[in-house]
Amino acid sequence: MSTTLHIKNMVCPRCVSVVREKLTGLGLRVTRVELGEAEVADDPPTCRESIGTGGKAASN
């Protein structure tokens, strides 16, 4: 199962790199990152839990 994350305020290639790095650092299996969106090979509850431990809010 994969989950698409919608991410606000991504405006440049550096944002793509940082988002990929941060999601990977949270233990998520990143499959794709584009401006405004990332896809991870994890289910939604796992994503919310991992992102929440990083100090950010995640919602459906």
PDB file of N, CA and C in Angstrom:
ATOM      1  N   MET A   1       0.848  -1.177   0.000  1.00  0.00           N
ATOM      2  CA  MET A   1       0.000   0.000   0.000  1.00  0.00           C
ATOM      3  C   MET A   1       0.890   1.234   0.000  1.00  0.00           C
ATOM      4  N   SER A   2       0.478   2.254  -0.727  1.00  0.00           N
ATOM      5  CA  SER A   2       1.231   3.503  -0.700  1.00  0.00           C
ATOM      6  C   SER A   2       0.310   4.635  -0.268  1.00  0.00           C
ATOM      7  N   THR A   3       0.905   5.693   0.217  1.00  0.00           N
ATOM      8  CA  THR A   3       0.174   6.855   0.694  1.00  0.00           C
ATOM      9  C   THR A   3       0.730   8.094   0.022  1.00  0.00           C
ATOM     10  N   THR A   4      -0.157   8.948  -0.481  1.00  0.00           N
ATOM     11  CA  THR A   4       0.264  10.219  -1.064  1.00  0.00           C
ATOM     12  C   THR A   4       0.092  11.306  -0.019  1.00  0.00           C
ATOM     13  N   LEU A   5       1.155  12.044   0.221  1.00  0.00           N
ATOM     14  CA  LEU A   5       1.137  13.161   1.165  1.00  0.00           C
ATOM     15  C   LEU A   5       1.098  14.455   0.364  1.00  0.00           C
ATOM     16  N   HIS A   6       0.190  15.353   0.717  1.00  0.00           N
ATOM     17  CA  HIS A   6       0.113  16.660   0.067  1.00  0.00           C
ATOM     18  C   HIS A   6       0.821  17.648   0.985  1.00  0.00           C
ATOM     19  N   ILE A   7       1.815  18.349   0.436  1.00  0.00           N
ATOM     20  CA  ILE A   7       2.693  19.192   1.245  1.00  0.00           C
ATOM     21  C   ILE A   7       2.643  20.621   0.723  1.00  0.00           C
ATOM     22  N   LYS A   8       2.275  21.552   1.591  1.00  0.00           N
ATOM     23  CA  LYS A   8       2.166  22.962   1.210  1.00  0.00           C
ATOM     24  C   LYS A   8       3.535  23.634   1.173  1.00  0.00           C
ATOM     25  N   ASN A   9       3.619  24.695   0.400  1.00  0.00           N
ATOM     26  CA  ASN A   9       4.772  25.610   0.357  1.00  0.00           C
ATOM     27  C   ASN A   9       6.056  25.003  -0.187  1.00  0.00           C
ATOM     28  N   MET A  10       5.963  23.970  -0.982  1.00  0.00           N
ATOM     29  CA  MET A  10       7.151  23.436  -1.670  1.00  0.00           C
ATOM     30  C   MET A  10       7.292  24.212  -2.975  1.00  0.00           C
ATOM     31  N   VAL A  11       8.399  24.929  -3.143  1.00  0.00           N
ATOM     32  CA  VAL A  11       8.517  25.815  -4.305  1.00  0.00           C
ATOM     33  C   VAL A  11       9.776  25.616  -5.144  1.00  0.00           C
ATOM     34  N   CYS A  12      10.689  24.743  -4.716  1.00  0.00           N
ATOM     35  CA  CYS A  12      11.944  24.626  -5.455  1.00  0.00           C
ATOM     36  C   CYS A  12      12.522  23.213  -5.334  1.00  0.00           C
ATOM     37  N   PRO A  13      13.508  22.902  -6.158  1.00  0.00           N
ATOM     38  CA  PRO A  13      14.142  21.580  -6.089  1.00  0.00           C
ATOM     39  C   PRO A  13      14.751  21.277  -4.718  1.00  0.00           C
ATOM     40  N   ARG A  14      15.224  22.278  -4.031  1.00  0.00           N
ATOM     41  CA  ARG A  14      15.792  22.067  -2.693  1.00  0.00           C
ATOM     42  C   ARG A  14      14.714  21.546  -1.738  1.00  0.00           C
ATOM     43  N   CYS A  15      13.490  22.049  -1.892  1.00  0.00           N
ATOM     44  CA  CYS A  15      12.378  21.564  -1.069  1.00  0.00           C
ATOM     45  C   CYS A  15      12.175  20.065  -1.276  1.00  0.00           C
ATOM     46  N   VAL A  16      12.261  19.618  -2.511  1.00  0.00           N
ATOM     47  CA  VAL A  16      12.100  18.199  -2.829  1.00  0.00           C
ATOM     48  C   VAL A  16      13.160  17.382  -2.095  1.00  0.00           C
ATOM     49  N   SER A  17      14.404  17.856  -2.131  1.00  0.00           N
ATOM     50  CA  SER A  17      15.502  17.145  -1.454  1.00  0.00           C
ATOM     51  C   SER A  17      15.292  17.078   0.051  1.00  0.00           C
ATOM     52  N   VAL A  18      14.899  18.203   0.635  1.00  0.00           N
ATOM     53  CA  VAL A  18      14.722  18.258   2.088  1.00  0.00           C
ATOM     54  C   VAL A  18      13.557  17.371   2.525  1.00  0.00           C
ATOM     55  N   VAL A  19      12.452  17.413   1.797  1.00  0.00           N
ATOM     56  CA  VAL A  19      11.300  16.582   2.151  1.00  0.00           C
ATOM     57  C   VAL A  19      11.673  15.104   2.068  1.00  0.00           C
ATOM     58  N   ARG A  20      12.357  14.713   1.006  1.00  0.00           N
ATOM     59  CA  ARG A  20      12.787  13.313   0.869  1.00  0.00           C
ATOM     60  C   ARG A  20      13.684  12.921   2.051  1.00  0.00           C
ATOM     61  N   GLU A  21      14.632  13.778   2.387  1.00  0.00           N
ATOM     62  CA  GLU A  21      15.567  13.510   3.494  1.00  0.00           C
ATOM     63  C   GLU A  21      14.831  13.377   4.824  1.00  0.00           C
ATOM     64  N   LYS A  22      13.904  14.287   5.093  1.00  0.00           N
ATOM     65  CA  LYS A  22      13.184  14.274   6.373  1.00  0.00           C
ATOM     66  C   LYS A  22      12.260  13.057   6.493  1.00  0.00           C
ATOM     67  N   LEU A  23      11.542  12.734   5.424  1.00  0.00           N
ATOM     68  CA  LEU A  23      10.649  11.575   5.474  1.00  0.00           C
ATOM     69  C   LEU A  23      11.439  10.284   5.641  1.00  0.00           C
ATOM     70  N   THR A  24      12.545  10.175   4.938  1.00  0.00           N
ATOM     71  CA  THR A  24      13.408   9.000   5.073  1.00  0.00           C
ATOM     72  C   THR A  24      13.957   8.919   6.497  1.00  0.00           C
ATOM     73  N   GLY A  25      14.329  10.070   7.053  1.00  0.00           N
ATOM     74  CA  GLY A  25      14.837  10.125   8.421  1.00  0.00           C
ATOM     75  C   GLY A  25      13.808   9.698   9.460  1.00  0.00           C
ATOM     76  N   LEU A  26      12.523   9.830   9.120  1.00  0.00           N
ATOM     77  CA  LEU A  26      11.455   9.390  10.016  1.00  0.00           C
ATOM     78  C   LEU A  26      11.165   7.898   9.872  1.00  0.00           C
ATOM     79  N   GLY A  27      11.895   7.249   8.971  1.00  0.00           N
ATOM     80  CA  GLY A  27      11.720   5.813   8.786  1.00  0.00           C
ATOM     81  C   GLY A  27      10.687   5.438   7.737  1.00  0.00           C
ATOM     82  N   LEU A  28      10.198   6.423   6.986  1.00  0.00           N
ATOM     83  CA  LEU A  28       9.225   6.132   5.936  1.00  0.00           C
ATOM     84  C   LEU A  28       9.947   5.719   4.660  1.00  0.00           C
ATOM     85  N   ARG A  29       9.310   4.855   3.883  1.00  0.00           N
ATOM     86  CA  ARG A  29       9.888   4.374   2.625  1.00  0.00           C
ATOM     87  C   ARG A  29       9.385   5.260   1.484  1.00  0.00           C
ATOM     88  N   VAL A  30      10.158   6.253   1.133  1.00  0.00           N
ATOM     89  CA  VAL A  30       9.768   7.245   0.130  1.00  0.00           C
ATOM     90  C   VAL A  30       9.923   6.656  -1.272  1.00  0.00           C
ATOM     91  N   THR A  31       8.860   6.755  -2.076  1.00  0.00           N
ATOM     92  CA  THR A  31       8.922   6.251  -3.446  1.00  0.00           C
ATOM     93  C   THR A  31       8.961   7.376  -4.471  1.00  0.00           C
ATOM     94  N   ARG A  32       8.420   8.566  -4.110  1.00  0.00           N
ATOM     95  CA  ARG A  32       8.389   9.675  -5.062  1.00  0.00           C
ATOM     96  C   ARG A  32       8.199  10.977  -4.301  1.00  0.00           C
ATOM     97  N   VAL A  33       8.918  12.027  -4.729  1.00  0.00           N
ATOM     98  CA  VAL A  33       8.715  13.367  -4.181  1.00  0.00           C
ATOM     99  C   VAL A  33       8.710  14.348  -5.340  1.00  0.00           C
ATOM    100  N   GLU A  34       7.676  15.162  -5.401  1.00  0.00           N
ATOM    101  CA  GLU A  34       7.547  16.230  -6.388  1.00  0.00           C
ATOM    102  C   GLU A  34       7.121  17.486  -5.641  1.00  0.00           C
ATOM    103  N   LEU A  35       7.123  18.619  -6.321  1.00  0.00           N
ATOM    104  CA  LEU A  35       6.659  19.844  -5.675  1.00  0.00           C
ATOM    105  C   LEU A  35       5.209  19.662  -5.227  1.00  0.00           C
ATOM    106  N   GLY A  36       4.964  19.816  -3.936  1.00  0.00           N
ATOM    107  CA  GLY A  36       3.622  19.729  -3.380  1.00  0.00           C
ATOM    108  C   GLY A  36       3.132  18.342  -3.020  1.00  0.00           C
ATOM    109  N   GLU A  37       3.927  17.317  -3.295  1.00  0.00           N
ATOM    110  CA  GLU A  37       3.451  15.958  -3.081  1.00  0.00           C
ATOM    111  C   GLU A  37       4.595  14.982  -2.833  1.00  0.00           C
ATOM    112  N   ALA A  38       4.332  14.016  -1.979  1.00  0.00           N
ATOM    113  CA  ALA A  38       5.284  12.922  -1.765  1.00  0.00           C
ATOM    114  C   ALA A  38       4.484  11.637  -1.659  1.00  0.00           C
ATOM    115  N   GLU A  39       5.072  10.565  -2.116  1.00  0.00           N
ATOM    116  CA  GLU A  39       4.428   9.255  -2.015  1.00  0.00           C
ATOM    117  C   GLU A  39       5.344   8.339  -1.222  1.00  0.00           C
ATOM    118  N   VAL A  40       4.757   7.658  -0.251  1.00  0.00           N
ATOM    119  CA  VAL A  40       5.524   6.730   0.572  1.00  0.00           C
ATOM    120  C   VAL A  40       4.867   5.357   0.530  1.00  0.00           C
ATOM    121  N   ALA A  41       5.678   4.324   0.641  1.00  0.00           N
ATOM    122  CA  ALA A  41       5.186   2.943   0.587  1.00  0.00           C
ATOM    123  C   ALA A  41       4.834   2.457   1.984  1.00  0.00           C
ATOM    124  N   ASP A  42       4.025   3.231   2.675  1.00  0.00           N
ATOM    125  CA  ASP A  42       3.565   2.884   4.017  1.00  0.00           C
ATOM    126  C   ASP A  42       2.082   3.210   4.091  1.00  0.00           C
ATOM    127  N   ASP A  43       1.355   2.563   5.008  1.00  0.00           N
ATOM    128  CA  ASP A  43      -0.075   2.835   5.136  1.00  0.00           C
ATOM    129  C   ASP A  43      -0.305   4.134   5.915  1.00  0.00           C
ATOM    130  N   PRO A  44      -1.500   4.747   5.770  1.00  0.00           N
ATOM    131  CA  PRO A  44      -1.771   6.033   6.417  1.00  0.00           C
ATOM    132  C   PRO A  44      -1.518   6.073   7.922  1.00  0.00           C
ATOM    133  N   PRO A  45      -1.939   5.069   8.718  1.00  0.00           N
ATOM    134  CA  PRO A  45      -1.658   5.151  10.158  1.00  0.00           C
ATOM    135  C   PRO A  45      -0.157   5.208  10.467  1.00  0.00           C
ATOM    136  N   THR A  46       0.634   4.440   9.734  1.00  0.00           N
ATOM    137  CA  THR A  46       2.083   4.458   9.935  1.00  0.00           C
ATOM    138  C   THR A  46       2.642   5.830   9.598  1.00  0.00           C
ATOM    139  N   CYS A  47       2.160   6.437   8.524  1.00  0.00           N
ATOM    140  CA  CYS A  47       2.622   7.767   8.117  1.00  0.00           C
ATOM    141  C   CYS A  47       2.287   8.804   9.180  1.00  0.00           C
ATOM    142  N   ARG A  48       1.031   8.801   9.651  1.00  0.00           N
ATOM    143  CA  ARG A  48       0.627   9.785  10.664  1.00  0.00           C
ATOM    144  C   ARG A  48       1.463   9.632  11.926  1.00  0.00           C
ATOM    145  N   GLU A  49       1.690   8.396  12.344  1.00  0.00           N
ATOM    146  CA  GLU A  49       2.474   8.147  13.555  1.00  0.00           C
ATOM    147  C   GLU A  49       3.914   8.632  13.376  1.00  0.00           C
ATOM    148  N   SER A  50       4.537   8.302  12.253  1.00  0.00           N
ATOM    149  CA  SER A  50       5.926   8.691  12.000  1.00  0.00           C
ATOM    150  C   SER A  50       6.072  10.200  11.902  1.00  0.00           C
ATOM    151  N   ILE A  51       5.160  10.838  11.186  1.00  0.00           N
ATOM    152  CA  ILE A  51       5.229  12.290  11.029  1.00  0.00           C
ATOM    153  C   ILE A  51       4.960  12.971  12.363  1.00  0.00           C
ATOM    154  N   GLY A  52       4.029  12.434  13.145  1.00  0.00           N
ATOM    155  CA  GLY A  52       3.729  12.993  14.463  1.00  0.00           C
ATOM    156  C   GLY A  52       4.925  12.950  15.397  1.00  0.00           C
ATOM    157  N   THR A  53       5.742  11.904  15.319  1.00  0.00           N
ATOM    158  CA  THR A  53       6.925  11.824  16.173  1.00  0.00           C
ATOM    159  C   THR A  53       7.971  12.838  15.740  1.00  0.00           C
ATOM    160  N   GLY A  54       7.860  13.336  14.520  1.00  0.00           N
ATOM    161  CA  GLY A  54       8.780  14.364  14.027  1.00  0.00           C
ATOM    162  C   GLY A  54       8.353  15.764  14.426  1.00  0.00           C
ATOM    163  N   GLY A  55       7.241  15.871  15.166  1.00  0.00           N
ATOM    164  CA  GLY A  55       6.792  17.167  15.654  1.00  0.00           C
ATOM    165  C   GLY A  55       5.899  17.924  14.687  1.00  0.00           C
ATOM    166  N   LYS A  56       5.381  17.267  13.676  1.00  0.00           N
ATOM    167  CA  LYS A  56       4.507  17.912  12.693  1.00  0.00           C
ATOM    168  C   LYS A  56       3.126  17.281  12.752  1.00  0.00           C
ATOM    169  N   ALA A  57       2.130  18.043  12.337  1.00  0.00           N
ATOM    170  CA  ALA A  57       0.765  17.528  12.297  1.00  0.00           C
ATOM    171  C   ALA A  57       0.512  16.840  10.964  1.00  0.00           C
ATOM    172  N   ALA A  58      -0.212  15.753  10.995  1.00  0.00           N
ATOM    173  CA  ALA A  58      -0.600  15.047   9.772  1.00  0.00           C
ATOM    174  C   ALA A  58      -2.080  14.739   9.871  1.00  0.00           C
ATOM    175  N   SER A  59      -2.803  15.000   8.792  1.00  0.00           N
ATOM    176  CA  SER A  59      -4.238  14.721   8.787  1.00  0.00           C
ATOM    177  C   SER A  59      -4.633  14.085   7.468  1.00  0.00           C
ATOM    178  N   ASN A  60      -5.835  13.537   7.425  1.00  0.00           N
ATOM    179  CA  ASN A  60      -6.345  12.910   6.194  1.00  0.00           C
ATOM    180  C   ASN A  60      -6.696  13.958   5.186  1.00  0.00           C
TER     181      ASN A  60
END
